[in-house]
Amino acid sequence: MKKLQALQNSQQFRKVYEQGQNISTSLFSAFFLKVETGEQRVGITVTRKIGNAVVRNRCKRRLREAIRKQFREFDSPLGFDLVINARSGLVKAEFSSIEAALANAFKRFTDTVSKP
């Protein structure tokens, strides 16, 4: 499995926000943008409204791990950029519900992309 690539700067994030597809859950908002390069890059944002630095970093670690697990199961040559904005429900959510919400978001994205 390839290493998870990260979005590097605000221009890349902004492009995903402006041109991408938004999928909202109670735990996070996910923005997907299909790219032709075949790369799969991820960016995670957690605002100060969620909590202090310890809480924000924990949210990011949990999201990264859920994304890694999802990427193992996501066997597709589809290239995309993904930005996840955490919501306050993520702080107390069970890890299994984070995985389920992420799997649902990936499924919704691939279903809309694969339609003719």
PDB file of N, CA and C in Angstrom:
ATOM      1  N   MET A   1       0.833  -1.182   0.000  1.00  0.00           N
ATOM      2  CA  MET A   1       0.000   0.000   0.000  1.00  0.00           C
ATOM      3  C   MET A   1       0.880   1.249   0.000  1.00  0.00           C
ATOM      4  N   LYS A   2       0.500   2.230  -0.805  1.00  0.00           N
ATOM      5  CA  LYS A   2       1.252   3.476  -0.864  1.00  0.00           C
ATOM      6  C   LYS A   2       1.028   4.296   0.401  1.00  0.00           C
ATOM      7  N   LYS A   3       2.000   5.140   0.716  1.00  0.00           N
ATOM      8  CA  LYS A   3       1.878   6.033   1.856  1.00  0.00           C
ATOM      9  C   LYS A   3       0.815   7.085   1.549  1.00  0.00           C
ATOM     10  N   LEU A   4       0.074   7.464   2.550  1.00  0.00           N
ATOM     11  CA  LEU A   4      -0.959   8.475   2.410  1.00  0.00           C
ATOM     12  C   LEU A   4      -0.318   9.819   2.093  1.00  0.00           C
ATOM     13  N   GLN A   5      -0.698  10.429   0.991  1.00  0.00           N
ATOM     14  CA  GLN A   5      -0.161  11.728   0.602  1.00  0.00           C
ATOM     15  C   GLN A   5      -0.989  12.830   1.252  1.00  0.00           C
ATOM     16  N   ALA A   6      -0.356  13.935   1.594  1.00  0.00           N
ATOM     17  CA  ALA A   6      -1.048  15.040   2.255  1.00  0.00           C
ATOM     18  C   ALA A   6      -1.173  16.234   1.320  1.00  0.00           C
ATOM     19  N   LEU A   7      -2.279  16.944   1.443  1.00  0.00           N
ATOM     20  CA  LEU A   7      -2.413  18.229   0.762  1.00  0.00           C
ATOM     21  C   LEU A   7      -1.474  19.190   1.486  1.00  0.00           C
ATOM     22  N   GLN A   8      -0.755  20.019   0.727  1.00  0.00           N
ATOM     23  CA  GLN A   8       0.348  20.772   1.310  1.00  0.00           C
ATOM     24  C   GLN A   8       0.039  22.219   1.668  1.00  0.00           C
ATOM     25  N   ASN A   9      -0.814  22.885   0.891  1.00  0.00           N
ATOM     26  CA  ASN A   9      -0.986  24.316   1.132  1.00  0.00           C
ATOM     27  C   ASN A   9      -2.436  24.758   0.951  1.00  0.00           C
ATOM     28  N   SER A  10      -2.691  25.999   1.302  1.00  0.00           N
ATOM     29  CA  SER A  10      -4.065  26.502   1.290  1.00  0.00           C
ATOM     30  C   SER A  10      -4.660  26.543  -0.118  1.00  0.00           C
ATOM     31  N   GLN A  11      -3.833  26.707  -1.152  1.00  0.00           N
ATOM     32  CA  GLN A  11      -4.364  26.707  -2.519  1.00  0.00           C
ATOM     33  C   GLN A  11      -4.945  25.350  -2.872  1.00  0.00           C
ATOM     34  N   GLN A  12      -4.281  24.280  -2.452  1.00  0.00           N
ATOM     35  CA  GLN A  12      -4.791  22.935  -2.724  1.00  0.00           C
ATOM     36  C   GLN A  12      -6.092  22.694  -1.966  1.00  0.00           C
ATOM     37  N   PHE A  13      -6.150  23.119  -0.708  1.00  0.00           N
ATOM     38  CA  PHE A  13      -7.382  22.987   0.070  1.00  0.00           C
ATOM     39  C   PHE A  13      -8.512  23.779  -0.586  1.00  0.00           C
ATOM     40  N   ARG A  14      -8.216  25.019  -0.970  1.00  0.00           N
ATOM     41  CA  ARG A  14      -9.230  25.898  -1.565  1.00  0.00           C
ATOM     42  C   ARG A  14      -9.790  25.306  -2.861  1.00  0.00           C
ATOM     43  N   LYS A  15      -8.921  24.716  -3.673  1.00  0.00           N
ATOM     44  CA  LYS A  15      -9.375  24.104  -4.922  1.00  0.00           C
ATOM     45  C   LYS A  15     -10.364  22.980  -4.636  1.00  0.00           C
ATOM     46  N   VAL A  16     -10.095  22.160  -3.617  1.00  0.00           N
ATOM     47  CA  VAL A  16     -11.001  21.067  -3.263  1.00  0.00           C
ATOM     48  C   VAL A  16     -12.323  21.635  -2.760  1.00  0.00           C
ATOM     49  N   TYR A  17     -12.270  22.688  -1.932  1.00  0.00           N
ATOM     50  CA  TYR A  17     -13.495  23.304  -1.429  1.00  0.00           C
ATOM     51  C   TYR A  17     -14.352  23.870  -2.554  1.00  0.00           C
ATOM     52  N   GLU A  18     -13.709  24.544  -3.505  1.00  0.00           N
ATOM     53  CA  GLU A  18     -14.447  25.242  -4.556  1.00  0.00           C
ATOM     54  C   GLU A  18     -14.953  24.310  -5.656  1.00  0.00           C
ATOM     55  N   GLN A  19     -14.165  23.306  -6.024  1.00  0.00           N
ATOM     56  CA  GLN A  19     -14.525  22.464  -7.163  1.00  0.00           C
ATOM     57  C   GLN A  19     -15.003  21.074  -6.765  1.00  0.00           C
ATOM     58  N   GLY A  20     -14.838  20.711  -5.508  1.00  0.00           N
ATOM     59  CA  GLY A  20     -15.134  19.350  -5.078  1.00  0.00           C
ATOM     60  C   GLY A  20     -16.580  19.121  -4.701  1.00  0.00           C
ATOM     61  N   GLN A  21     -16.866  17.868  -4.419  1.00  0.00           N
ATOM     62  CA  GLN A  21     -18.196  17.430  -4.020  1.00  0.00           C
ATOM     63  C   GLN A  21     -18.223  17.335  -2.498  1.00  0.00           C
ATOM     64  N   ASN A  22     -19.258  17.911  -1.865  1.00  0.00           N
ATOM     65  CA  ASN A  22     -19.371  17.929  -0.409  1.00  0.00           C
ATOM     66  C   ASN A  22     -20.261  16.788   0.061  1.00  0.00           C
ATOM     67  N   ILE A  23     -19.781  16.032   1.029  1.00  0.00           N
ATOM     68  CA  ILE A  23     -20.571  14.980   1.663  1.00  0.00           C
ATOM     69  C   ILE A  23     -20.520  15.236   3.164  1.00  0.00           C
ATOM     70  N   SER A  24     -21.690  15.492   3.759  1.00  0.00           N
ATOM     71  CA  SER A  24     -21.753  15.832   5.180  1.00  0.00           C
ATOM     72  C   SER A  24     -22.264  14.672   6.008  1.00  0.00           C
ATOM     73  N   THR A  25     -21.665  14.506   7.178  1.00  0.00           N
ATOM     74  CA  THR A  25     -22.137  13.546   8.173  1.00  0.00           C
ATOM     75  C   THR A  25     -22.230  14.293   9.504  1.00  0.00           C
ATOM     76  N   SER A  26     -22.687  13.624  10.532  1.00  0.00           N
ATOM     77  CA  SER A  26     -22.775  14.268  11.840  1.00  0.00           C
ATOM     78  C   SER A  26     -21.395  14.437  12.476  1.00  0.00           C
ATOM     79  N   LEU A  27     -20.414  13.700  11.997  1.00  0.00           N
ATOM     80  CA  LEU A  27     -19.072  13.748  12.574  1.00  0.00           C
ATOM     81  C   LEU A  27     -18.109  14.653  11.817  1.00  0.00           C
ATOM     82  N   PHE A  28     -18.315  14.797  10.514  1.00  0.00           N
ATOM     83  CA  PHE A  28     -17.407  15.597   9.692  1.00  0.00           C
ATOM     84  C   PHE A  28     -18.060  15.951   8.369  1.00  0.00           C
ATOM     85  N   SER A  29     -17.453  16.917   7.675  1.00  0.00           N
ATOM     86  CA  SER A  29     -17.790  17.218   6.287  1.00  0.00           C
ATOM     87  C   SER A  29     -16.613  16.771   5.448  1.00  0.00           C
ATOM     88  N   ALA A  30     -16.893  16.045   4.379  1.00  0.00           N
ATOM     89  CA  ALA A  30     -15.837  15.557   3.497  1.00  0.00           C
ATOM     90  C   ALA A  30     -15.999  16.207   2.138  1.00  0.00           C
ATOM     91  N   PHE A  31     -14.922  16.714   1.600  1.00  0.00           N
ATOM     92  CA  PHE A  31     -14.911  17.330   0.272  1.00  0.00           C
ATOM     93  C   PHE A  31     -14.009  16.476  -0.614  1.00  0.00           C
ATOM     94  N   PHE A  32     -14.580  15.901  -1.664  1.00  0.00           N
ATOM     95  CA  PHE A  32     -13.839  15.061  -2.604  1.00  0.00           C
ATOM     96  C   PHE A  32     -13.691  15.803  -3.920  1.00  0.00           C
ATOM     97  N   LEU A  33     -12.523  15.730  -4.520  1.00  0.00           N
ATOM     98  CA  LEU A  33     -12.292  16.274  -5.849  1.00  0.00           C
ATOM     99  C   LEU A  33     -11.552  15.229  -6.667  1.00  0.00           C
ATOM    100  N   LYS A  34     -12.178  14.769  -7.738  1.00  0.00           N
ATOM    101  CA  LYS A  34     -11.545  13.779  -8.607  1.00  0.00           C
ATOM    102  C   LYS A  34     -10.400  14.451  -9.364  1.00  0.00           C
ATOM    103  N   VAL A  35      -9.250  13.776  -9.408  1.00  0.00           N
ATOM    104  CA  VAL A  35      -8.089  14.304 -10.126  1.00  0.00           C
ATOM    105  C   VAL A  35      -7.614  13.267 -11.129  1.00  0.00           C
ATOM    106  N   GLU A  36      -7.016  13.718 -12.187  1.00  0.00           N
ATOM    107  CA  GLU A  36      -6.594  12.841 -13.274  1.00  0.00           C
ATOM    108  C   GLU A  36      -5.236  12.193 -13.033  1.00  0.00           C
ATOM    109  N   THR A  37      -4.496  12.673 -12.030  1.00  0.00           N
ATOM    110  CA  THR A  37      -3.137  12.162 -11.814  1.00  0.00           C
ATOM    111  C   THR A  37      -3.124  10.756 -11.216  1.00  0.00           C
ATOM    112  N   GLY A  38      -4.223  10.322 -10.636  1.00  0.00           N
ATOM    113  CA  GLY A  38      -4.263   9.007 -10.010  1.00  0.00           C
ATOM    114  C   GLY A  38      -3.792   9.018  -8.576  1.00  0.00           C
ATOM    115  N   GLU A  39      -3.340  10.176  -8.094  1.00  0.00           N
ATOM    116  CA  GLU A  39      -2.898  10.309  -6.709  1.00  0.00           C
ATOM    117  C   GLU A  39      -4.101  10.400  -5.777  1.00  0.00           C
ATOM    118  N   GLN A  40      -3.891   9.976  -4.540  1.00  0.00           N
ATOM    119  CA  GLN A  40      -4.915  10.113  -3.511  1.00  0.00           C
ATOM    120  C   GLN A  40      -4.295  10.903  -2.368  1.00  0.00           C
ATOM    121  N   ARG A  41      -4.739  12.167  -2.223  1.00  0.00           N
ATOM    122  CA  ARG A  41      -4.178  13.045  -1.204  1.00  0.00           C
ATOM    123  C   ARG A  41      -5.261  13.433  -0.210  1.00  0.00           C
ATOM    124  N   VAL A  42      -4.844  13.665   1.024  1.00  0.00           N
ATOM    125  CA  VAL A  42      -5.786  13.934   2.105  1.00  0.00           C
ATOM    126  C   VAL A  42      -5.338  15.147   2.907  1.00  0.00           C
ATOM    127  N   GLY A  43      -6.318  15.949   3.323  1.00  0.00           N
ATOM    128  CA  GLY A  43      -6.086  17.049   4.250  1.00  0.00           C
ATOM    129  C   GLY A  43      -7.150  17.006   5.333  1.00  0.00           C
ATOM    130  N   ILE A  44      -6.759  17.281   6.566  1.00  0.00           N
ATOM    131  CA  ILE A  44      -7.688  17.252   7.692  1.00  0.00           C
ATOM    132  C   ILE A  44      -7.623  18.596   8.403  1.00  0.00           C
ATOM    133  N   THR A  45      -8.801  19.169   8.687  1.00  0.00           N
ATOM    134  CA  THR A  45      -8.854  20.409   9.459  1.00  0.00           C
ATOM    135  C   THR A  45      -9.721  20.197  10.690  1.00  0.00           C
ATOM    136  N   VAL A  46      -9.238  20.703  11.811  1.00  0.00           N
ATOM    137  CA  VAL A  46      -9.986  20.664  13.061  1.00  0.00           C
ATOM    138  C   VAL A  46      -9.842  22.050  13.681  1.00  0.00           C
ATOM    139  N   THR A  47     -10.949  22.777  13.791  1.00  0.00           N
ATOM    140  CA  THR A  47     -10.895  24.156  14.278  1.00  0.00           C
ATOM    141  C   THR A  47     -10.815  24.211  15.799  1.00  0.00           C
ATOM    142  N   ARG A  48     -10.492  25.388  16.313  1.00  0.00           N
ATOM    143  CA  ARG A  48     -10.387  25.580  17.754  1.00  0.00           C
ATOM    144  C   ARG A  48     -11.731  25.452  18.461  1.00  0.00           C
ATOM    145  N   LYS A  49     -12.818  25.569  17.722  1.00  0.00           N
ATOM    146  CA  LYS A  49     -14.144  25.382  18.323  1.00  0.00           C
ATOM    147  C   LYS A  49     -14.321  23.956  18.843  1.00  0.00           C
ATOM    148  N   ILE A  50     -13.582  23.016  18.284  1.00  0.00           N
ATOM    149  CA  ILE A  50     -13.689  21.609  18.677  1.00  0.00           C
ATOM    150  C   ILE A  50     -13.108  21.382  20.070  1.00  0.00           C
ATOM    151  N   GLY A  51     -12.014  22.075  20.387  1.00  0.00           N
ATOM    152  CA  GLY A  51     -11.399  21.909  21.702  1.00  0.00           C
ATOM    153  C   GLY A  51      -9.969  22.410  21.699  1.00  0.00           C
ATOM    154  N   ASN A  52      -9.263  22.116  22.783  1.00  0.00           N
ATOM    155  CA  ASN A  52      -7.875  22.560  22.888  1.00  0.00           C
ATOM    156  C   ASN A  52      -6.975  21.706  21.991  1.00  0.00           C
ATOM    157  N   ALA A  53      -5.687  21.969  22.027  1.00  0.00           N
ATOM    158  CA  ALA A  53      -4.750  21.302  21.121  1.00  0.00           C
ATOM    159  C   ALA A  53      -4.745  19.791  21.311  1.00  0.00           C
ATOM    160  N   VAL A  54      -4.864  19.335  22.540  1.00  0.00           N
ATOM    161  CA  VAL A  54      -4.861  17.898  22.811  1.00  0.00           C
ATOM    162  C   VAL A  54      -6.063  17.231  22.129  1.00  0.00           C
ATOM    163  N   VAL A  55      -7.225  17.847  22.261  1.00  0.00           N
ATOM    164  CA  VAL A  55      -8.450  17.302  21.666  1.00  0.00           C
ATOM    165  C   VAL A  55      -8.365  17.343  20.146  1.00  0.00           C
ATOM    166  N   ARG A  56      -7.881  18.456  19.595  1.00  0.00           N
ATOM    167  CA  ARG A  56      -7.781  18.582  18.132  1.00  0.00           C
ATOM    168  C   ARG A  56      -6.822  17.548  17.562  1.00  0.00           C
ATOM    169  N   ASN A  57      -5.669  17.356  18.210  1.00  0.00           N
ATOM    170  CA  ASN A  57      -4.695  16.378  17.719  1.00  0.00           C
ATOM    171  C   ASN A  57      -5.242  14.963  17.811  1.00  0.00           C
ATOM    172  N   ARG A  58      -5.981  14.664  18.862  1.00  0.00           N
ATOM    173  CA  ARG A  58      -6.595  13.336  18.999  1.00  0.00           C
ATOM    174  C   ARG A  58      -7.589  13.100  17.862  1.00  0.00           C
ATOM    175  N   CYS A  59      -8.388  14.113  17.540  1.00  0.00           N
ATOM    176  CA  CYS A  59      -9.346  13.994  16.428  1.00  0.00           C
ATOM    177  C   CYS A  59      -8.615  13.713  15.120  1.00  0.00           C
ATOM    178  N   LYS A  60      -7.522  14.433  14.885  1.00  0.00           N
ATOM    179  CA  LYS A  60      -6.759  14.227  13.648  1.00  0.00           C
ATOM    180  C   LYS A  60      -6.151  12.835  13.582  1.00  0.00           C
ATOM    181  N   ARG A  61      -5.611  12.348  14.703  1.00  0.00           N
ATOM    182  CA  ARG A  61      -5.042  10.998  14.730  1.00  0.00           C
ATOM    183  C   ARG A  61      -6.103   9.947  14.439  1.00  0.00           C
ATOM    184  N   ARG A  62      -7.273  10.087  15.040  1.00  0.00           N
ATOM    185  CA  ARG A  62      -8.353   9.128  14.828  1.00  0.00           C
ATOM    186  C   ARG A  62      -8.823   9.153  13.373  1.00  0.00           C
ATOM    187  N   LEU A  63      -8.944  10.353  12.804  1.00  0.00           N
ATOM    188  CA  LEU A  63      -9.353  10.454  11.398  1.00  0.00           C
ATOM    189  C   LEU A  63      -8.308   9.848  10.471  1.00  0.00           C
ATOM    190  N   ARG A  64      -7.028  10.124  10.721  1.00  0.00           N
ATOM    191  CA  ARG A  64      -5.978   9.554   9.874  1.00  0.00           C
ATOM    192  C   ARG A  64      -5.998   8.032   9.905  1.00  0.00           C
ATOM    193  N   GLU A  65      -6.178   7.461  11.092  1.00  0.00           N
ATOM    194  CA  GLU A  65      -6.217   6.002  11.200  1.00  0.00           C
ATOM    195  C   GLU A  65      -7.435   5.428  10.484  1.00  0.00           C
ATOM    196  N   ALA A  66      -8.582   6.079  10.619  1.00  0.00           N
ATOM    197  CA  ALA A  66      -9.784   5.613   9.919  1.00  0.00           C
ATOM    198  C   ALA A  66      -9.585   5.706   8.405  1.00  0.00           C
ATOM    199  N   ILE A  67      -8.922   6.750   7.949  1.00  0.00           N
ATOM    200  CA  ILE A  67      -8.658   6.920   6.515  1.00  0.00           C
ATOM    201  C   ILE A  67      -7.696   5.832   6.040  1.00  0.00           C
ATOM    202  N   ARG A  68      -6.649   5.543   6.819  1.00  0.00           N
ATOM    203  CA  ARG A  68      -5.711   4.469   6.452  1.00  0.00           C
ATOM    204  C   ARG A  68      -6.427   3.137   6.303  1.00  0.00           C
ATOM    205  N   LYS A  69      -7.278   2.821   7.261  1.00  0.00           N
ATOM    206  CA  LYS A  69      -8.040   1.568   7.183  1.00  0.00           C
ATOM    207  C   LYS A  69      -8.952   1.562   5.964  1.00  0.00           C
ATOM    208  N   GLN A  70      -9.584   2.684   5.688  1.00  0.00           N
ATOM    209  CA  GLN A  70     -10.489   2.770   4.542  1.00  0.00           C
ATOM    210  C   GLN A  70      -9.712   2.620   3.227  1.00  0.00           C
ATOM    211  N   PHE A  71      -8.516   3.180   3.170  1.00  0.00           N
ATOM    212  CA  PHE A  71      -7.704   3.087   1.954  1.00  0.00           C
ATOM    213  C   PHE A  71      -7.304   1.646   1.673  1.00  0.00           C
ATOM    214  N   ARG A  72      -7.071   0.860   2.736  1.00  0.00           N
ATOM    215  CA  ARG A  72      -6.745  -0.556   2.540  1.00  0.00           C
ATOM    216  C   ARG A  72      -7.887  -1.289   1.858  1.00  0.00           C
ATOM    217  N   GLU A  73      -9.122  -0.942   2.221  1.00  0.00           N
ATOM    218  CA  GLU A  73     -10.295  -1.598   1.651  1.00  0.00           C
ATOM    219  C   GLU A  73     -10.708  -0.973   0.331  1.00  0.00           C
ATOM    220  N   PHE A  74     -10.293   0.270   0.097  1.00  0.00           N
ATOM    221  CA  PHE A  74     -10.693   1.020  -1.084  1.00  0.00           C
ATOM    222  C   PHE A  74      -9.737   0.682  -2.223  1.00  0.00           C
ATOM    223  N   ASP A  75     -10.085  -0.318  -2.993  1.00  0.00           N
ATOM    224  CA  ASP A  75      -9.215  -0.799  -4.058  1.00  0.00           C
ATOM    225  C   ASP A  75      -9.672  -0.210  -5.384  1.00  0.00           C
ATOM    226  N   SER A  76      -9.194   0.994  -5.674  1.00  0.00           N
ATOM    227  CA  SER A  76      -9.600   1.666  -6.902  1.00  0.00           C
ATOM    228  C   SER A  76      -8.451   2.518  -7.422  1.00  0.00           C
ATOM    229  N   PRO A  77      -8.292   2.563  -8.730  1.00  0.00           N
ATOM    230  CA  PRO A  77      -7.248   3.421  -9.304  1.00  0.00           C
ATOM    231  C   PRO A  77      -7.677   4.895  -9.369  1.00  0.00           C
ATOM    232  N   LEU A  78      -8.858   5.185  -8.840  1.00  0.00           N
ATOM    233  CA  LEU A  78      -9.415   6.527  -8.889  1.00  0.00           C
ATOM    234  C   LEU A  78      -8.529   7.502  -8.116  1.00  0.00           C
ATOM    235  N   GLY A  79      -8.163   8.604  -8.754  1.00  0.00           N
ATOM    236  CA  GLY A  79      -7.374   9.628  -8.084  1.00  0.00           C
ATOM    237  C   GLY A  79      -8.286  10.712  -7.548  1.00  0.00           C
ATOM    238  N   PHE A  80      -8.012  11.160  -6.339  1.00  0.00           N
ATOM    239  CA  PHE A  80      -8.836  12.210  -5.757  1.00  0.00           C
ATOM    240  C   PHE A  80      -8.075  12.930  -4.654  1.00  0.00           C
ATOM    241  N   ASP A  81      -8.548  14.146  -4.378  1.00  0.00           N
ATOM    242  CA  ASP A  81      -8.108  14.901  -3.215  1.00  0.00           C
ATOM    243  C   ASP A  81      -9.275  14.889  -2.240  1.00  0.00           C
ATOM    244  N   LEU A  82      -8.972  14.724  -0.969  1.00  0.00           N
ATOM    245  CA  LEU A  82      -9.990  14.650   0.069  1.00  0.00           C
ATOM    246  C   LEU A  82      -9.631  15.615   1.184  1.00  0.00           C
ATOM    247  N   VAL A  83     -10.597  16.458   1.577  1.00  0.00           N
ATOM    248  CA  VAL A  83     -10.424  17.322   2.741  1.00  0.00           C
ATOM    249  C   VAL A  83     -11.537  16.978   3.719  1.00  0.00           C
ATOM    250  N   ILE A  84     -11.160  16.744   4.968  1.00  0.00           N
ATOM    251  CA  ILE A  84     -12.136  16.441   6.007  1.00  0.00           C
ATOM    252  C   ILE A  84     -12.106  17.551   7.042  1.00  0.00           C
ATOM    253  N   ASN A  85     -13.283  18.131   7.293  1.00  0.00           N
ATOM    254  CA  ASN A  85     -13.448  19.135   8.341  1.00  0.00           C
ATOM    255  C   ASN A  85     -14.192  18.476   9.496  1.00  0.00           C
ATOM    256  N   ALA A  86     -13.544  18.378  10.646  1.00  0.00           N
ATOM    257  CA  ALA A  86     -14.147  17.723  11.806  1.00  0.00           C
ATOM    258  C   ALA A  86     -15.268  18.576  12.384  1.00  0.00           C
ATOM    259  N   ARG A  87     -16.279  17.887  12.923  1.00  0.00           N
ATOM    260  CA  ARG A  87     -17.363  18.540  13.655  1.00  0.00           C
ATOM    261  C   ARG A  87     -17.269  18.124  15.116  1.00  0.00           C
ATOM    262  N   SER A  88     -17.980  18.830  15.976  1.00  0.00           N
ATOM    263  CA  SER A  88     -17.862  18.591  17.413  1.00  0.00           C
ATOM    264  C   SER A  88     -18.278  17.179  17.826  1.00  0.00           C
ATOM    265  N   GLY A  89     -19.160  16.526  17.065  1.00  0.00           N
ATOM    266  CA  GLY A  89     -19.573  15.168  17.395  1.00  0.00           C
ATOM    267  C   GLY A  89     -18.445  14.162  17.319  1.00  0.00           C
ATOM    268  N   LEU A  90     -17.378  14.500  16.606  1.00  0.00           N
ATOM    269  CA  LEU A  90     -16.242  13.591  16.443  1.00  0.00           C
ATOM    270  C   LEU A  90     -15.496  13.355  17.755  1.00  0.00           C
ATOM    271  N   VAL A  91     -15.517  14.329  18.648  1.00  0.00           N
ATOM    272  CA  VAL A  91     -14.736  14.261  19.888  1.00  0.00           C
ATOM    273  C   VAL A  91     -15.132  13.048  20.729  1.00  0.00           C
ATOM    274  N   LYS A  92     -16.426  12.815  20.889  1.00  0.00           N
ATOM    275  CA  LYS A  92     -16.888  11.736  21.764  1.00  0.00           C
ATOM    276  C   LYS A  92     -17.351  10.500  20.992  1.00  0.00           C
ATOM    277  N   ALA A  93     -17.186  10.504  19.692  1.00  0.00           N
ATOM    278  CA  ALA A  93     -17.669   9.387  18.876  1.00  0.00           C
ATOM    279  C   ALA A  93     -16.802   8.150  19.056  1.00  0.00           C
ATOM    280  N   GLU A  94     -17.435   6.995  18.967  1.00  0.00           N
ATOM    281  CA  GLU A  94     -16.716   5.727  18.971  1.00  0.00           C
ATOM    282  C   GLU A  94     -15.923   5.619  17.667  1.00  0.00           C
ATOM    283  N   PHE A  95     -14.773   4.943  17.715  1.00  0.00           N
ATOM    284  CA  PHE A  95     -13.952   4.803  16.514  1.00  0.00           C
ATOM    285  C   PHE A  95     -14.700   4.051  15.421  1.00  0.00           C
ATOM    286  N   SER A  96     -15.501   3.065  15.805  1.00  0.00           N
ATOM    287  CA  SER A  96     -16.256   2.293  14.810  1.00  0.00           C
ATOM    288  C   SER A  96     -17.263   3.164  14.066  1.00  0.00           C
ATOM    289  N   SER A  97     -17.841   4.161  14.748  1.00  0.00           N
ATOM    290  CA  SER A  97     -18.782   5.045  14.051  1.00  0.00           C
ATOM    291  C   SER A  97     -18.049   6.002  13.117  1.00  0.00           C
ATOM    292  N   ILE A  98     -16.823   6.375  13.466  1.00  0.00           N
ATOM    293  CA  ILE A  98     -16.015   7.210  12.562  1.00  0.00           C
ATOM    294  C   ILE A  98     -15.703   6.413  11.298  1.00  0.00           C
ATOM    295  N   GLU A  99     -15.296   5.143  11.475  1.00  0.00           N
ATOM    296  CA  GLU A  99     -15.007   4.286  10.325  1.00  0.00           C
ATOM    297  C   GLU A  99     -16.243   4.108   9.448  1.00  0.00           C
ATOM    298  N   ALA A 100     -17.403   3.892  10.073  1.00  0.00           N
ATOM    299  CA  ALA A 100     -18.634   3.686   9.311  1.00  0.00           C
ATOM    300  C   ALA A 100     -19.019   4.939   8.532  1.00  0.00           C
ATOM    301  N   ALA A 101     -18.892   6.105   9.164  1.00  0.00           N
ATOM    302  CA  ALA A 101     -19.223   7.360   8.483  1.00  0.00           C
ATOM    303  C   ALA A 101     -18.277   7.610   7.309  1.00  0.00           C
ATOM    304  N   LEU A 102     -17.009   7.298   7.499  1.00  0.00           N
ATOM    305  CA  LEU A 102     -16.026   7.486   6.432  1.00  0.00           C
ATOM    306  C   LEU A 102     -16.276   6.512   5.282  1.00  0.00           C
ATOM    307  N   ALA A 103     -16.584   5.262   5.607  1.00  0.00           N
ATOM    308  CA  ALA A 103     -16.892   4.272   4.576  1.00  0.00           C
ATOM    309  C   ALA A 103     -18.109   4.695   3.770  1.00  0.00           C
ATOM    310  N   ASN A 104     -19.112   5.228   4.446  1.00  0.00           N
ATOM    311  CA  ASN A 104     -20.315   5.711   3.770  1.00  0.00           C
ATOM    312  C   ASN A 104     -19.989   6.885   2.841  1.00  0.00           C
ATOM    313  N   ALA A 105     -19.135   7.799   3.309  1.00  0.00           N
ATOM    314  CA  ALA A 105     -18.746   8.950   2.479  1.00  0.00           C
ATOM    315  C   ALA A 105     -17.987   8.483   1.230  1.00  0.00           C
ATOM    316  N   PHE A 106     -17.057   7.531   1.386  1.00  0.00           N
ATOM    317  CA  PHE A 106     -16.321   6.991   0.236  1.00  0.00           C
ATOM    318  C   PHE A 106     -17.275   6.319  -0.748  1.00  0.00           C
ATOM    319  N   LYS A 107     -18.233   5.566  -0.221  1.00  0.00           N
ATOM    320  CA  LYS A 107     -19.195   4.874  -1.084  1.00  0.00           C
ATOM    321  C   LYS A 107     -20.044   5.873  -1.865  1.00  0.00           C
ATOM    322  N   ARG A 108     -20.513   6.919  -1.180  1.00  0.00           N
ATOM    323  CA  ARG A 108     -21.319   7.938  -1.860  1.00  0.00           C
ATOM    324  C   ARG A 108     -20.510   8.637  -2.946  1.00  0.00           C
ATOM    325  N   PHE A 109     -19.227   8.913  -2.670  1.00  0.00           N
ATOM    326  CA  PHE A 109     -18.379   9.575  -3.653  1.00  0.00           C
ATOM    327  C   PHE A 109     -18.152   8.674  -4.871  1.00  0.00           C
ATOM    328  N   THR A 110     -17.790   7.415  -4.639  1.00  0.00           N
ATOM    329  CA  THR A 110     -17.516   6.518  -5.767  1.00  0.00           C
ATOM    330  C   THR A 110     -18.782   6.230  -6.570  1.00  0.00           C
ATOM    331  N   ASP A 111     -19.945   6.186  -5.910  1.00  0.00           N
ATOM    332  CA  ASP A 111     -21.199   5.977  -6.628  1.00  0.00           C
ATOM    333  C   ASP A 111     -21.493   7.145  -7.572  1.00  0.00           C
ATOM    334  N   THR A 112     -21.256   8.381  -7.112  1.00  0.00           N
ATOM    335  CA  THR A 112     -21.544   9.523  -7.977  1.00  0.00           C
ATOM    336  C   THR A 112     -20.520   9.668  -9.095  1.00  0.00           C
ATOM    337  N   VAL A 113     -19.263   9.282  -8.838  1.00  0.00           N
ATOM    338  CA  VAL A 113     -18.225   9.397  -9.859  1.00  0.00           C
ATOM    339  C   VAL A 113     -18.410   8.326 -10.938  1.00  0.00           C
ATOM    340  N   SER A 114     -18.849   7.147 -10.539  1.00  0.00           N
ATOM    341  CA  SER A 114     -18.963   6.049 -11.506  1.00  0.00           C
ATOM    342  C   SER A 114     -20.213   6.133 -12.374  1.00  0.00           C
ATOM    343  N   LYS A 115     -21.147   7.028 -12.028  1.00  0.00           N
ATOM    344  CA  LYS A 115     -22.341   7.187 -12.861  1.00  0.00           C
ATOM    345  C   LYS A 115     -21.951   7.854 -14.170  1.00  0.00           C
ATOM    346  N   PRO A 116     -22.574   7.436 -15.282  1.00  0.00           N
ATOM    347  CA  PRO A 116     -22.228   8.053 -16.565  1.00  0.00           C
ATOM    348  C   PRO A 116     -22.739   9.468 -16.705  1.00  0.00           C
TER     349      PRO A 116
END
